[in-house]
Amino acid sequence: MDIPSIVIPPVEDIQTISIPLPTADVPSYVPLVVPPSDLQEPEGTKPVETVEPPKPTLPPPFPPYPLPSTEVLVPTVITAVTAVAATTVATPIIQDLKERITKFLNNKIKKWKENRKKKRDSLQNSKKT
């Protein structure tokens, strides 16, 4: 009687790679030297006088031109206020109209697609018979 046996191939040596140990740059700093709190001026020296630089000045926010006359300024202001008011009032109305028109057109497109699908289905059914 033959007993089955398994032939195992010889084991191959697998070389492993060497991974170097990680290194890090340790941060360093220059020590800060703090003078003692009882530091005094040496004898025979004069204190240094410092002059503060002048504060920066900004130009006026408007050019030095004369304002236009009242006949020009009043209609300009009225036109600007009217334009802002008209835009403020018209924006919600236009937004509402846009939403309604979009909904209406989407419904029409949906119905058109349904009718097209029905026609396609009816044509396929008539060809089968």
Protein backbone atom coordinates (compact mmCIF):
# COMPACT_ATOMS: atom_id res chain seq x y z
CA MET A 1 0.00 0.00 0.00
CA ASP A 2 1.31 3.45 -0.98
CA ILE A 3 1.15 6.13 1.61
CA PRO A 4 0.91 9.61 0.12
CA SER A 5 3.67 11.93 1.08
CA ILE A 6 4.23 15.63 0.63
CA VAL A 7 7.45 16.94 -0.81
CA ILE A 8 8.38 20.26 0.75
CA PRO A 9 10.83 22.39 -1.23
CA PRO A 10 13.94 23.66 0.52
CA VAL A 11 13.63 26.95 2.38
CA GLU A 12 15.25 29.92 0.71
CA ASP A 13 17.03 32.51 2.76
CA ILE A 14 15.30 35.86 2.46
CA GLN A 15 17.59 38.78 2.97
CA THR A 16 16.21 41.53 5.14
CA ILE A 17 16.95 45.15 4.56
CA SER A 18 18.58 47.22 7.23
CA ILE A 19 16.72 50.32 8.30
CA PRO A 20 18.87 52.98 9.95
CA LEU A 21 17.75 54.38 13.25
CA PRO A 22 15.95 57.71 12.95
CA THR A 23 17.77 60.86 13.90
CA ALA A 24 16.38 64.22 14.90
CA ASP A 25 17.68 67.74 14.98
CA VAL A 26 17.25 68.91 18.53
CA PRO A 27 16.25 72.57 18.64
CA SER A 28 18.56 74.86 20.50
CA TYR A 29 18.39 78.49 21.47
CA VAL A 30 20.69 81.22 22.58
CA PRO A 31 20.08 81.88 26.27
CA LEU A 32 18.46 85.21 27.02
CA VAL A 33 20.38 87.32 29.49
CA VAL A 34 18.10 89.32 31.75
CA PRO A 35 19.69 92.22 33.59
CA PRO A 36 19.13 92.36 37.32
CA SER A 37 16.26 94.47 38.59
CA ASP A 38 18.58 96.71 40.61
CA LEU A 39 20.68 97.72 37.60
CA GLN A 40 21.90 101.30 37.87
CA GLU A 41 23.67 103.69 35.56
CA PRO A 42 27.45 103.82 36.03
CA GLU A 43 28.81 106.98 37.62
CA GLY A 44 29.93 109.75 35.28
CA THR A 45 27.56 108.85 32.40
CA LYS A 46 24.69 110.93 31.13
CA PRO A 47 21.37 109.45 30.14
CA VAL A 48 20.73 109.35 26.41
CA GLU A 49 17.83 111.49 25.29
CA THR A 50 15.70 109.85 22.65
CA VAL A 51 13.44 111.81 20.36
CA GLU A 52 10.17 110.19 19.47
CA PRO A 53 9.52 110.18 15.72
CA PRO A 54 6.53 112.25 14.61
CA LYS A 55 3.25 110.41 14.33
CA PRO A 56 2.23 109.55 10.78
CA THR A 57 -0.52 111.69 9.36
CA LEU A 58 -3.18 110.55 6.97
CA PRO A 59 -4.60 112.70 4.21
CA PRO A 60 -8.23 113.70 4.56
CA PRO A 61 -10.63 111.05 3.27
CA PHE A 62 -11.91 113.32 0.52
CA PRO A 63 -10.07 115.39 -2.04
CA PRO A 64 -9.95 119.11 -1.44
CA TYR A 65 -12.36 119.83 -4.28
CA PRO A 66 -15.44 121.98 -3.74
CA LEU A 67 -18.78 120.17 -3.52
CA PRO A 68 -21.08 120.46 -6.53
CA SER A 69 -23.89 122.94 -6.41
CA THR A 70 -27.28 122.08 -4.92
CA GLU A 71 -28.88 121.96 -8.39
CA VAL A 72 -26.60 119.03 -9.29
CA LEU A 73 -26.38 117.31 -5.90
CA VAL A 74 -30.14 117.00 -5.17
CA PRO A 75 -31.11 115.18 -8.41
CA THR A 76 -28.09 112.88 -8.04
CA VAL A 77 -29.06 111.88 -4.49
CA ILE A 78 -32.71 111.40 -5.50
CA THR A 79 -31.66 109.17 -8.41
CA ALA A 80 -29.39 107.06 -6.19
CA VAL A 81 -32.05 106.61 -3.48
CA THR A 82 -34.67 105.73 -6.10
CA ALA A 83 -32.39 103.14 -7.71
CA VAL A 84 -31.66 101.46 -4.36
CA ALA A 85 -35.34 101.46 -3.38
CA ALA A 86 -36.42 100.04 -6.75
CA THR A 87 -33.81 97.29 -6.53
CA THR A 88 -34.81 96.45 -2.97
CA VAL A 89 -38.50 96.19 -3.91
CA ALA A 90 -38.00 94.41 -7.23
CA THR A 91 -35.60 91.70 -6.08
CA PRO A 92 -38.13 89.58 -4.11
CA ILE A 93 -40.73 89.96 -6.86
CA ILE A 94 -38.31 88.83 -9.56
CA GLN A 95 -37.13 85.94 -7.37
CA ASP A 96 -40.73 84.76 -6.88
CA LEU A 97 -41.45 85.02 -10.62
CA LYS A 98 -38.28 83.08 -11.39
CA GLU A 99 -39.29 80.26 -9.02
CA ARG A 100 -42.81 80.08 -10.49
CA ILE A 101 -41.59 80.07 -14.10
CA THR A 102 -38.98 77.40 -13.31
CA LYS A 103 -41.61 75.19 -11.65
CA PHE A 104 -44.02 75.69 -14.59
CA LEU A 105 -41.36 74.82 -17.17
CA ASN A 106 -40.19 71.78 -15.21
CA ASN A 107 -43.79 70.48 -15.09
CA LYS A 108 -44.17 70.99 -18.85
CA ILE A 109 -40.90 69.15 -19.54
CA LYS A 110 -41.96 66.32 -17.23
CA LYS A 111 -45.32 65.94 -19.06
CA TRP A 112 -43.57 66.05 -22.43
CA LYS A 113 -41.20 63.26 -21.34
CA GLU A 114 -44.12 61.16 -20.06
CA ASN A 115 -46.04 61.59 -23.36
CA ARG A 116 -42.92 60.70 -25.32
CA LYS A 117 -42.42 57.57 -23.24
CA LYS A 118 -46.09 56.56 -23.75
CA LYS A 119 -45.73 56.99 -27.52
CA ARG A 120 -42.52 54.96 -27.52
CA ASP A 121 -44.15 52.19 -25.48
CA SER A 122 -47.23 52.10 -27.72
CA LEU A 123 -45.02 51.89 -30.84
CA GLN A 124 -43.05 48.99 -29.34
CA ASN A 125 -46.26 47.17 -28.40
CA SER A 126 -47.71 47.60 -31.90
CA LYS A 127 -44.51 46.24 -33.50
CA LYS A 128 -44.61 43.12 -31.28
CA THR A 129 -48.10 42.18 -32.44
